[in-house]
């Protein structure tokens, strides 16, 4: 159970966690466990205490019950597998996954595991700062559209909004606490509209990590997708003919809030590209 614990499983989707467990079983014979630190054992665990394992960056106590562990030879094998799958688009039969997972799923989990098991700790791209402030949160695609759309100016239904607490914030995202009983249905990949306490604008984000705090609350890691999101309607058309129906979407704008959206969030399985589209926003239409 040591290697799964240092693989940040809370930031994987349920199917990816299952795949990660199978890959750990495949690599188990390459892992190393020693009673003294080595270059390939970046983690330690105290067998006499019920505390989670930690990296060497957090100094261990000077006790005889310490053990040091790491991925060992598995890292080199993972690098080779990533290169092979990325090049061929096929999952090697040696992994014994029996075609149950797509190549891109296996690649994501292999890269995820390698990043967490590497002797060099991962570094944040953006600095984080401690903060204790309230957040108003709208959850899910429909909740985000309600927060960003025309109804937002008339006030949202309070029953659809949630109050969370920000723990730390940065340019790339934030960590928040979700009160007990409010985390039902919350999972990695859920879209969020987040409004900081005292602010007027909404941020667009996505849940990237979920864990349980000692208080019983749920701790959520949120990646910021846009600081200036807006709701739009997208009409798929061919030539001069526009479709009668439309698909509501949330445009994800850059931090500088340019005149034209750079990317869009739409519900899954609603548009796979191909036909051009028209975007209705602010009373105008852009193609």
C-alpha atoms as a PDB file:
ATOM      1  CA  UNK A   1       0.000   0.000   0.000  1.00  0.00           C
ATOM      2  CA  UNK A   2       3.028   2.333   0.097  1.00  0.00           C
ATOM      3  CA  UNK A   3       3.383   3.084  -3.623  1.00  0.00           C
ATOM      4  CA  UNK A   4      -0.332   3.879  -4.154  1.00  0.00           C
ATOM      5  CA  UNK A   5      -0.188   6.259  -1.182  1.00  0.00           C
ATOM      6  CA  UNK A   6       2.547   8.366  -2.803  1.00  0.00           C
ATOM      7  CA  UNK A   7       0.903   8.373  -6.246  1.00  0.00           C
ATOM      8  CA  UNK A   8      -1.758  11.012  -5.453  1.00  0.00           C
ATOM      9  CA  UNK A   9      -4.682   8.713  -6.359  1.00  0.00           C
ATOM     10  CA  UNK A  10      -7.154  11.416  -5.326  1.00  0.00           C
ATOM     11  CA  UNK A  11      -6.280  13.353  -8.487  1.00  0.00           C
ATOM     12  CA  UNK A  12      -7.199  10.429 -10.761  1.00  0.00           C
ATOM     13  CA  UNK A  13     -10.607   9.495 -12.118  1.00  0.00           C
ATOM     14  CA  UNK A  14     -12.112   6.221 -10.786  1.00  0.00           C
ATOM     15  CA  UNK A  15     -11.181   4.262 -13.926  1.00  0.00           C
ATOM     16  CA  UNK A  16      -7.658   5.729 -13.811  1.00  0.00           C
ATOM     17  CA  UNK A  17      -7.283   4.703 -10.150  1.00  0.00           C
ATOM     18  CA  UNK A  18      -8.217   1.156 -11.106  1.00  0.00           C
ATOM     19  CA  UNK A  19      -5.662   1.245 -13.919  1.00  0.00           C
ATOM     20  CA  UNK A  20      -3.028   2.669 -11.565  1.00  0.00           C
ATOM     21  CA  UNK A  21      -3.540  -0.240  -9.154  1.00  0.00           C
ATOM     22  CA  UNK A  22      -3.035  -2.727 -11.984  1.00  0.00           C
ATOM     23  CA  UNK A  23       0.118  -0.965 -13.143  1.00  0.00           C
ATOM     24  CA  UNK A  24       1.475  -0.936  -9.580  1.00  0.00           C
ATOM     25  CA  UNK A  25       0.925  -4.691  -9.459  1.00  0.00           C
ATOM     26  CA  UNK A  26       2.829  -5.015 -12.739  1.00  0.00           C
ATOM     27  CA  UNK A  27       5.816  -2.977 -11.464  1.00  0.00           C
ATOM     28  CA  UNK A  28       5.816  -4.349  -7.881  1.00  0.00           C
ATOM     29  CA  UNK A  29       8.947  -6.469  -8.319  1.00  0.00           C
ATOM     30  CA  UNK A  30      10.952  -3.372  -9.353  1.00  0.00           C
ATOM     31  CA  UNK A  31      10.086  -1.327  -6.252  1.00  0.00           C
ATOM     32  CA  UNK A  32      12.676  -1.031  -3.479  1.00  0.00           C
ATOM     33  CA  UNK A  33      12.366  -0.976   0.323  1.00  0.00           C
ATOM     34  CA  UNK A  34      15.439  -0.422   2.505  1.00  0.00           C
ATOM     35  CA  UNK A  35      16.340   0.420   6.105  1.00  0.00           C
ATOM     36  CA  UNK A  36      18.670   3.251   5.025  1.00  0.00           C
ATOM     37  CA  UNK A  37      18.151   6.122   2.527  1.00  0.00           C
ATOM     38  CA  UNK A  38      19.369   5.797  -1.058  1.00  0.00           C
ATOM     39  CA  UNK A  39      19.125   7.881  -4.203  1.00  0.00           C
ATOM     40  CA  UNK A  40      16.262   5.763  -5.511  1.00  0.00           C
ATOM     41  CA  UNK A  41      14.246   5.838  -2.245  1.00  0.00           C
ATOM     42  CA  UNK A  42      12.782   9.365  -2.066  1.00  0.00           C
ATOM     43  CA  UNK A  43      10.103   8.376   0.478  1.00  0.00           C
ATOM     44  CA  UNK A  44      10.124   7.199   4.071  1.00  0.00           C
ATOM     45  CA  UNK A  45       7.565   5.599   6.370  1.00  0.00           C
ATOM     46  CA  UNK A  46       7.576   4.934  10.112  1.00  0.00           C
ATOM     47  CA  UNK A  47       6.332   1.371  10.592  1.00  0.00           C
ATOM     48  CA  UNK A  48       5.621   2.001  14.281  1.00  0.00           C
ATOM     49  CA  UNK A  49       3.305   4.952  13.713  1.00  0.00           C
ATOM     50  CA  UNK A  50       0.070   5.284  11.815  1.00  0.00           C
ATOM     51  CA  UNK A  51       1.121   8.247   9.719  1.00  0.00           C
ATOM     52  CA  UNK A  52       1.238   8.500   5.918  1.00  0.00           C
ATOM     53  CA  UNK A  53       4.570   8.136   4.121  1.00  0.00           C
ATOM     54  CA  UNK A  54       6.430  11.328   3.213  1.00  0.00           C
ATOM     55  CA  UNK A  55       9.249  12.594   1.018  1.00  0.00           C
ATOM     56  CA  UNK A  56      12.738  13.273   2.373  1.00  0.00           C
ATOM     57  CA  UNK A  57      11.958  16.992   2.013  1.00  0.00           C
ATOM     58  CA  UNK A  58      10.054  16.458   5.259  1.00  0.00           C
ATOM     59  CA  UNK A  59      12.787  15.276   7.684  1.00  0.00           C
ATOM     60  CA  UNK A  60      11.984  11.875   9.226  1.00  0.00           C
ATOM     61  CA  UNK A  61      12.285  11.170  12.963  1.00  0.00           C
ATOM     62  CA  UNK A  62      15.431   9.414  14.147  1.00  0.00           C
ATOM     63  CA  UNK A  63      13.890   6.036  15.009  1.00  0.00           C
ATOM     64  CA  UNK A  64      14.712   2.422  14.175  1.00  0.00           C
ATOM     65  CA  UNK A  65      11.272   1.741  12.734  1.00  0.00           C
ATOM     66  CA  UNK A  66      11.944   3.898   9.659  1.00  0.00           C
ATOM     67  CA  UNK A  67      11.967   2.347   6.188  1.00  0.00           C
ATOM     68  CA  UNK A  68      12.831   4.026   2.904  1.00  0.00           C
ATOM     69  CA  UNK A  69      11.212   3.155  -0.397  1.00  0.00           C
ATOM     70  CA  UNK A  70      10.823   4.160  -4.024  1.00  0.00           C
ATOM     71  CA  UNK A  71       9.988   3.041  -7.541  1.00  0.00           C
ATOM     72  CA  UNK A  72      13.490   1.709  -8.225  1.00  0.00           C
ATOM     73  CA  UNK A  73      13.836   0.192 -11.682  1.00  0.00           C
ATOM     74  CA  UNK A  74      10.175   0.850 -12.489  1.00  0.00           C
ATOM     75  CA  UNK A  75      10.938   4.459 -13.491  1.00  0.00           C
ATOM     76  CA  UNK A  76      13.187   3.455 -16.389  1.00  0.00           C
ATOM     77  CA  UNK A  77      10.617   0.923 -17.563  1.00  0.00           C
ATOM     78  CA  UNK A  78       7.851   3.541 -17.369  1.00  0.00           C
ATOM     79  CA  UNK A  79       9.923   5.955 -19.466  1.00  0.00           C
ATOM     80  CA  UNK A  80      10.364   3.272 -22.125  1.00  0.00           C
ATOM     81  CA  UNK A  81       6.656   2.411 -22.088  1.00  0.00           C
ATOM     82  CA  UNK A  82       5.633   6.069 -22.403  1.00  0.00           C
ATOM     83  CA  UNK A  83       7.904   6.477 -25.420  1.00  0.00           C
ATOM     84  CA  UNK A  84       6.585   3.278 -27.016  1.00  0.00           C
ATOM     85  CA  UNK A  85       2.881   4.077 -26.505  1.00  0.00           C
ATOM     86  CA  UNK A  86       3.280   7.704 -27.584  1.00  0.00           C
ATOM     87  CA  UNK A  87       5.056   6.555 -30.763  1.00  0.00           C
ATOM     88  CA  UNK A  88       2.885   3.593 -31.768  1.00  0.00           C
ATOM     89  CA  UNK A  89      -0.456   4.465 -30.181  1.00  0.00           C
ATOM     90  CA  UNK A  90      -0.681   0.899 -28.907  1.00  0.00           C
ATOM     91  CA  UNK A  91      -0.546  -0.568 -25.384  1.00  0.00           C
ATOM     92  CA  UNK A  92       2.098  -3.328 -25.141  1.00  0.00           C
ATOM     93  CA  UNK A  93       0.760  -6.797 -24.429  1.00  0.00           C
ATOM     94  CA  UNK A  94       3.376  -7.118 -21.674  1.00  0.00           C
ATOM     95  CA  UNK A  95       1.221  -4.900 -19.431  1.00  0.00           C
ATOM     96  CA  UNK A  96      -1.518  -7.569 -19.531  1.00  0.00           C
ATOM     97  CA  UNK A  97      -4.320  -5.005 -19.649  1.00  0.00           C
ATOM     98  CA  UNK A  98      -6.262  -7.073 -22.214  1.00  0.00           C
ATOM     99  CA  UNK A  99      -7.384  -4.060 -24.226  1.00  0.00           C
ATOM    100  CA  UNK A 100      -9.523  -2.699 -21.368  1.00  0.00           C
ATOM    101  CA  UNK A 101      -7.974   0.788 -21.480  1.00  0.00           C
ATOM    102  CA  UNK A 102      -7.284   3.225 -24.290  1.00  0.00           C
ATOM    103  CA  UNK A 103      -3.684   4.142 -25.068  1.00  0.00           C
ATOM    104  CA  UNK A 104      -4.204   7.756 -23.954  1.00  0.00           C
ATOM    105  CA  UNK A 105      -5.546   6.572 -20.574  1.00  0.00           C
ATOM    106  CA  UNK A 106      -2.510   4.350 -20.011  1.00  0.00           C
ATOM    107  CA  UNK A 107      -0.185   7.192 -21.040  1.00  0.00           C
ATOM    108  CA  UNK A 108      -1.803   9.625 -18.620  1.00  0.00           C
ATOM    109  CA  UNK A 109      -1.563   7.235 -15.670  1.00  0.00           C
ATOM    110  CA  UNK A 110       2.024   6.219 -16.471  1.00  0.00           C
ATOM    111  CA  UNK A 111       3.102   9.868 -16.667  1.00  0.00           C
ATOM    112  CA  UNK A 112       1.182  10.651 -13.495  1.00  0.00           C
ATOM    113  CA  UNK A 113       2.886   7.826 -11.597  1.00  0.00           C
ATOM    114  CA  UNK A 114       6.347   8.697 -12.917  1.00  0.00           C
ATOM    115  CA  UNK A 115       5.960  12.345 -11.888  1.00  0.00           C
ATOM    116  CA  UNK A 116       5.030  11.406  -8.316  1.00  0.00           C
ATOM    117  CA  UNK A 117       7.555   8.585  -7.920  1.00  0.00           C
ATOM    118  CA  UNK A 118      10.474  10.562  -9.336  1.00  0.00           C
ATOM    119  CA  UNK A 119      13.329  11.263  -6.880  1.00  0.00           C
ATOM    120  CA  UNK A 120      13.010  14.950  -7.831  1.00  0.00           C
ATOM    121  CA  UNK A 121       9.823  16.400  -6.279  1.00  0.00           C
ATOM    122  CA  UNK A 122       7.314  18.118  -8.541  1.00  0.00           C
ATOM    123  CA  UNK A 123       7.371  21.903  -8.517  1.00  0.00           C
ATOM    124  CA  UNK A 124       4.375  24.183  -8.808  1.00  0.00           C
ATOM    125  CA  UNK A 125       4.315  26.429 -11.850  1.00  0.00           C
ATOM    126  CA  UNK A 126       2.755  29.187  -9.741  1.00  0.00           C
ATOM    127  CA  UNK A 127       3.405  30.176  -6.126  1.00  0.00           C
ATOM    128  CA  UNK A 128       0.627  29.539  -3.602  1.00  0.00           C
ATOM    129  CA  UNK A 129      -0.305  31.839  -0.718  1.00  0.00           C
ATOM    130  CA  UNK A 130      -2.205  30.923   2.413  1.00  0.00           C
ATOM    131  CA  UNK A 131      -5.676  32.389   2.598  1.00  0.00           C
ATOM    132  CA  UNK A 132      -8.757  31.881   4.727  1.00  0.00           C
ATOM    133  CA  UNK A 133     -11.671  33.385   2.879  1.00  0.00           C
ATOM    134  CA  UNK A 134     -15.118  32.406   1.737  1.00  0.00           C
ATOM    135  CA  UNK A 135     -15.954  31.140  -1.719  1.00  0.00           C
ATOM    136  CA  UNK A 136     -19.304  30.992  -3.472  1.00  0.00           C
ATOM    137  CA  UNK A 137     -19.343  27.960  -5.758  1.00  0.00           C
ATOM    138  CA  UNK A 138     -21.624  26.816  -8.566  1.00  0.00           C
ATOM    139  CA  UNK A 139     -21.028  23.185  -9.445  1.00  0.00           C
ATOM    140  CA  UNK A 140     -21.365  21.333 -12.746  1.00  0.00           C
ATOM    141  CA  UNK A 141     -21.831  22.546 -16.303  1.00  0.00           C
ATOM    142  CA  UNK A 142     -25.414  23.778 -15.792  1.00  0.00           C
ATOM    143  CA  UNK A 143     -24.482  25.459 -12.518  1.00  0.00           C
ATOM    144  CA  UNK A 144     -21.600  27.278 -14.223  1.00  0.00           C
ATOM    145  CA  UNK A 145     -23.886  28.501 -17.018  1.00  0.00           C
ATOM    146  CA  UNK A 146     -26.414  29.751 -14.476  1.00  0.00           C
ATOM    147  CA  UNK A 147     -23.676  31.676 -12.682  1.00  0.00           C
ATOM    148  CA  UNK A 148     -22.237  33.204 -15.845  1.00  0.00           C
ATOM    149  CA  UNK A 149     -25.408  33.667 -17.891  1.00  0.00           C
ATOM    150  CA  UNK A 150     -28.066  36.403 -17.959  1.00  0.00           C
ATOM    151  CA  UNK A 151     -29.831  35.035 -14.895  1.00  0.00           C
ATOM    152  CA  UNK A 152     -26.770  35.787 -12.793  1.00  0.00           C
ATOM    153  CA  UNK A 153     -27.520  39.507 -12.888  1.00  0.00           C
ATOM    154  CA  UNK A 154     -30.996  38.850 -11.469  1.00  0.00           C
ATOM    155  CA  UNK A 155     -29.657  36.660  -8.684  1.00  0.00           C
ATOM    156  CA  UNK A 156     -29.181  32.908  -8.586  1.00  0.00           C
ATOM    157  CA  UNK A 157     -31.208  30.374  -6.706  1.00  0.00           C
ATOM    158  CA  UNK A 158     -29.386  30.142  -3.391  1.00  0.00           C
ATOM    159  CA  UNK A 159     -30.097  26.411  -3.168  1.00  0.00           C
ATOM    160  CA  UNK A 160     -27.791  25.831  -6.158  1.00  0.00           C
ATOM    161  CA  UNK A 161     -24.885  27.749  -4.673  1.00  0.00           C
ATOM    162  CA  UNK A 162     -22.446  26.377  -2.109  1.00  0.00           C
ATOM    163  CA  UNK A 163     -20.169  28.054   0.430  1.00  0.00           C
ATOM    164  CA  UNK A 164     -16.609  26.711   0.569  1.00  0.00           C
ATOM    165  CA  UNK A 165     -13.476  28.021   2.315  1.00  0.00           C
ATOM    166  CA  UNK A 166     -10.284  28.848   0.411  1.00  0.00           C
ATOM    167  CA  UNK A 167      -7.103  27.599   2.127  1.00  0.00           C
ATOM    168  CA  UNK A 168      -4.500  28.823  -0.332  1.00  0.00           C
ATOM    169  CA  UNK A 169      -4.584  30.534  -3.709  1.00  0.00           C
ATOM    170  CA  UNK A 170      -2.266  31.110  -6.652  1.00  0.00           C
ATOM    171  CA  UNK A 171      -2.344  32.128 -10.285  1.00  0.00           C
ATOM    172  CA  UNK A 172      -2.848  28.532 -11.394  1.00  0.00           C
ATOM    173  CA  UNK A 173      -5.500  27.457  -8.913  1.00  0.00           C
ATOM    174  CA  UNK A 174      -6.509  27.123  -5.278  1.00  0.00           C
ATOM    175  CA  UNK A 175      -7.172  24.662  -2.495  1.00  0.00           C
ATOM    176  CA  UNK A 176     -10.538  24.767  -0.740  1.00  0.00           C
ATOM    177  CA  UNK A 177     -12.394  23.005   2.061  1.00  0.00           C
ATOM    178  CA  UNK A 178     -15.890  21.672   1.365  1.00  0.00           C
ATOM    179  CA  UNK A 179     -18.054  21.369   4.522  1.00  0.00           C
ATOM    180  CA  UNK A 180     -19.154  17.943   5.703  1.00  0.00           C
ATOM    181  CA  UNK A 181     -22.202  16.655   3.864  1.00  0.00           C
ATOM    182  CA  UNK A 182     -21.653  18.937   0.860  1.00  0.00           C
ATOM    183  CA  UNK A 183     -19.248  16.774  -1.126  1.00  0.00           C
ATOM    184  CA  UNK A 184     -21.742  14.230  -2.487  1.00  0.00           C
ATOM    185  CA  UNK A 185     -21.241  13.792  -6.209  1.00  0.00           C
ATOM    186  CA  UNK A 186     -17.998  15.774  -6.188  1.00  0.00           C
ATOM    187  CA  UNK A 187     -15.327  14.112  -8.315  1.00  0.00           C
ATOM    188  CA  UNK A 188     -12.196  14.851 -10.290  1.00  0.00           C
ATOM    189  CA  UNK A 189     -13.084  16.636 -13.540  1.00  0.00           C
ATOM    190  CA  UNK A 190     -16.162  18.499 -12.271  1.00  0.00           C
ATOM    191  CA  UNK A 191     -16.469  22.017 -13.694  1.00  0.00           C
ATOM    192  CA  UNK A 192     -16.858  24.875 -11.175  1.00  0.00           C
ATOM    193  CA  UNK A 193     -17.660  28.567 -11.171  1.00  0.00           C
ATOM    194  CA  UNK A 194     -15.973  30.146  -8.142  1.00  0.00           C
ATOM    195  CA  UNK A 195     -16.533  33.657  -6.782  1.00  0.00           C
ATOM    196  CA  UNK A 196     -14.136  34.850  -4.047  1.00  0.00           C
ATOM    197  CA  UNK A 197     -15.658  36.563  -1.038  1.00  0.00           C
ATOM    198  CA  UNK A 198     -16.084  40.284  -1.718  1.00  0.00           C
ATOM    199  CA  UNK A 199     -15.479  39.849  -5.450  1.00  0.00           C
ATOM    200  CA  UNK A 200     -17.876  40.405  -8.325  1.00  0.00           C
ATOM    201  CA  UNK A 201     -16.368  38.242 -11.056  1.00  0.00           C
ATOM    202  CA  UNK A 202     -16.487  34.475 -11.350  1.00  0.00           C
ATOM    203  CA  UNK A 203     -13.528  32.195 -12.005  1.00  0.00           C
ATOM    204  CA  UNK A 204     -13.850  29.078 -14.123  1.00  0.00           C
ATOM    205  CA  UNK A 205     -12.133  26.023 -12.678  1.00  0.00           C
ATOM    206  CA  UNK A 206     -12.061  22.239 -12.639  1.00  0.00           C
ATOM    207  CA  UNK A 207     -11.558  19.796  -9.756  1.00  0.00           C
ATOM    208  CA  UNK A 208      -8.148  18.128 -10.061  1.00  0.00           C
ATOM    209  CA  UNK A 209      -7.688  16.564  -6.609  1.00  0.00           C
ATOM    210  CA  UNK A 210      -9.911  15.396  -3.744  1.00  0.00           C
ATOM    211  CA  UNK A 211      -8.835  14.261  -0.276  1.00  0.00           C
ATOM    212  CA  UNK A 212     -10.299  14.011   3.221  1.00  0.00           C
ATOM    213  CA  UNK A 213      -9.189  16.529   5.854  1.00  0.00           C
ATOM    214  CA  UNK A 214      -8.764  15.528   9.515  1.00  0.00           C
ATOM    215  CA  UNK A 215     -11.746  17.701  10.396  1.00  0.00           C
ATOM    216  CA  UNK A 216     -13.968  15.484   8.263  1.00  0.00           C
ATOM    217  CA  UNK A 217     -14.321  18.151   5.595  1.00  0.00           C
ATOM    218  CA  UNK A 218     -13.286  17.455   2.017  1.00  0.00           C
ATOM    219  CA  UNK A 219     -10.199  19.187   0.651  1.00  0.00           C
ATOM    220  CA  UNK A 220     -10.392  20.026  -3.061  1.00  0.00           C
ATOM    221  CA  UNK A 221      -7.626  21.119  -5.431  1.00  0.00           C
ATOM    222  CA  UNK A 222      -8.976  23.374  -8.173  1.00  0.00           C
ATOM    223  CA  UNK A 223      -7.182  24.292 -11.394  1.00  0.00           C
ATOM    224  CA  UNK A 224      -8.111  27.724 -12.737  1.00  0.00           C
ATOM    225  CA  UNK A 225      -9.159  27.547 -16.393  1.00  0.00           C
ATOM    226  CA  UNK A 226     -10.070  31.201 -16.798  1.00  0.00           C
ATOM    227  CA  UNK A 227     -10.284  34.362 -14.725  1.00  0.00           C
ATOM    228  CA  UNK A 228     -12.694  35.984 -17.198  1.00  0.00           C
ATOM    229  CA  UNK A 229     -15.204  33.332 -18.315  1.00  0.00           C
ATOM    230  CA  UNK A 230     -18.523  34.108 -20.002  1.00  0.00           C
ATOM    231  CA  UNK A 231     -21.517  32.115 -21.261  1.00  0.00           C
ATOM    232  CA  UNK A 232     -22.165  31.908 -24.989  1.00  0.00           C
ATOM    233  CA  UNK A 233     -24.504  30.122 -27.417  1.00  0.00           C
ATOM    234  CA  UNK A 234     -22.928  28.090 -30.208  1.00  0.00           C
ATOM    235  CA  UNK A 235     -24.813  27.421 -33.454  1.00  0.00           C
ATOM    236  CA  UNK A 236     -23.355  24.760 -35.729  1.00  0.00           C
ATOM    237  CA  UNK A 237     -23.841  25.623 -39.388  1.00  0.00           C
ATOM    238  CA  UNK A 238     -22.778  24.725 -42.908  1.00  0.00           C
ATOM    239  CA  UNK A 239     -22.280  27.530 -45.394  1.00  0.00           C
ATOM    240  CA  UNK A 240     -24.944  30.160 -44.846  1.00  0.00           C
ATOM    241  CA  UNK A 241     -27.377  27.814 -43.114  1.00  0.00           C
ATOM    242  CA  UNK A 242     -27.487  27.904 -39.307  1.00  0.00           C
ATOM    243  CA  UNK A 243     -28.975  25.158 -37.187  1.00  0.00           C
ATOM    244  CA  UNK A 244     -32.274  25.878 -35.492  1.00  0.00           C
ATOM    245  CA  UNK A 245     -31.061  24.551 -32.162  1.00  0.00           C
ATOM    246  CA  UNK A 246     -28.125  25.877 -30.210  1.00  0.00           C
ATOM    247  CA  UNK A 247     -25.687  24.534 -27.649  1.00  0.00           C
ATOM    248  CA  UNK A 248     -24.998  26.601 -24.599  1.00  0.00           C
ATOM    249  CA  UNK A 249     -21.328  26.657 -23.747  1.00  0.00           C
ATOM    250  CA  UNK A 250     -18.907  28.411 -21.447  1.00  0.00           C
ATOM    251  CA  UNK A 251     -16.062  30.215 -23.126  1.00  0.00           C
ATOM    252  CA  UNK A 252     -12.739  30.079 -21.340  1.00  0.00           C
ATOM    253  CA  UNK A 253     -10.931  33.383 -21.751  1.00  0.00           C
ATOM    254  CA  UNK A 254      -7.275  34.182 -21.158  1.00  0.00           C
ATOM    255  CA  UNK A 255      -6.174  36.162 -18.119  1.00  0.00           C
ATOM    256  CA  UNK A 256      -5.941  39.337 -20.218  1.00  0.00           C
ATOM    257  CA  UNK A 257      -9.632  39.060 -21.171  1.00  0.00           C
ATOM    258  CA  UNK A 258      -9.249  39.507 -24.942  1.00  0.00           C
ATOM    259  CA  UNK A 259     -12.117  40.458 -27.223  1.00  0.00           C
ATOM    260  CA  UNK A 260     -12.443  36.950 -28.667  1.00  0.00           C
ATOM    261  CA  UNK A 261     -12.655  33.712 -26.644  1.00  0.00           C
ATOM    262  CA  UNK A 262      -9.658  31.392 -26.975  1.00  0.00           C
ATOM    263  CA  UNK A 263     -11.242  28.100 -25.897  1.00  0.00           C
ATOM    264  CA  UNK A 264     -14.641  26.680 -24.961  1.00  0.00           C
ATOM    265  CA  UNK A 265     -16.188  24.233 -22.537  1.00  0.00           C
ATOM    266  CA  UNK A 266     -19.148  22.273 -23.887  1.00  0.00           C
ATOM    267  CA  UNK A 267     -20.966  19.206 -22.499  1.00  0.00           C
ATOM    268  CA  UNK A 268     -19.369  15.877 -23.337  1.00  0.00           C
ATOM    269  CA  UNK A 269     -20.398  14.159 -26.586  1.00  0.00           C
ATOM    270  CA  UNK A 270     -22.220  17.198 -27.992  1.00  0.00           C
ATOM    271  CA  UNK A 271     -19.729  18.431 -30.611  1.00  0.00           C
ATOM    272  CA  UNK A 272     -16.745  16.644 -32.088  1.00  0.00           C
ATOM    273  CA  UNK A 273     -15.632  19.341 -34.483  1.00  0.00           C
ATOM    274  CA  UNK A 274     -16.029  19.317 -38.239  1.00  0.00           C
ATOM    275  CA  UNK A 275     -18.733  21.867 -39.113  1.00  0.00           C
ATOM    276  CA  UNK A 276     -17.955  25.500 -38.440  1.00  0.00           C
ATOM    277  CA  UNK A 277     -19.886  27.263 -35.713  1.00  0.00           C
ATOM    278  CA  UNK A 278     -21.300  30.637 -34.836  1.00  0.00           C
ATOM    279  CA  UNK A 279     -21.041  32.086 -31.357  1.00  0.00           C
ATOM    280  CA  UNK A 280     -23.698  34.412 -29.967  1.00  0.00           C
ATOM    281  CA  UNK A 281     -22.313  36.696 -27.274  1.00  0.00           C
ATOM    282  CA  UNK A 282     -23.177  40.200 -26.128  1.00  0.00           C
ATOM    283  CA  UNK A 283     -25.861  40.645 -28.772  1.00  0.00           C
ATOM    284  CA  UNK A 284     -23.446  39.915 -31.634  1.00  0.00           C
ATOM    285  CA  UNK A 285     -22.371  36.917 -33.621  1.00  0.00           C
ATOM    286  CA  UNK A 286     -18.825  35.708 -34.300  1.00  0.00           C
ATOM    287  CA  UNK A 287     -17.815  32.786 -36.509  1.00  0.00           C
END
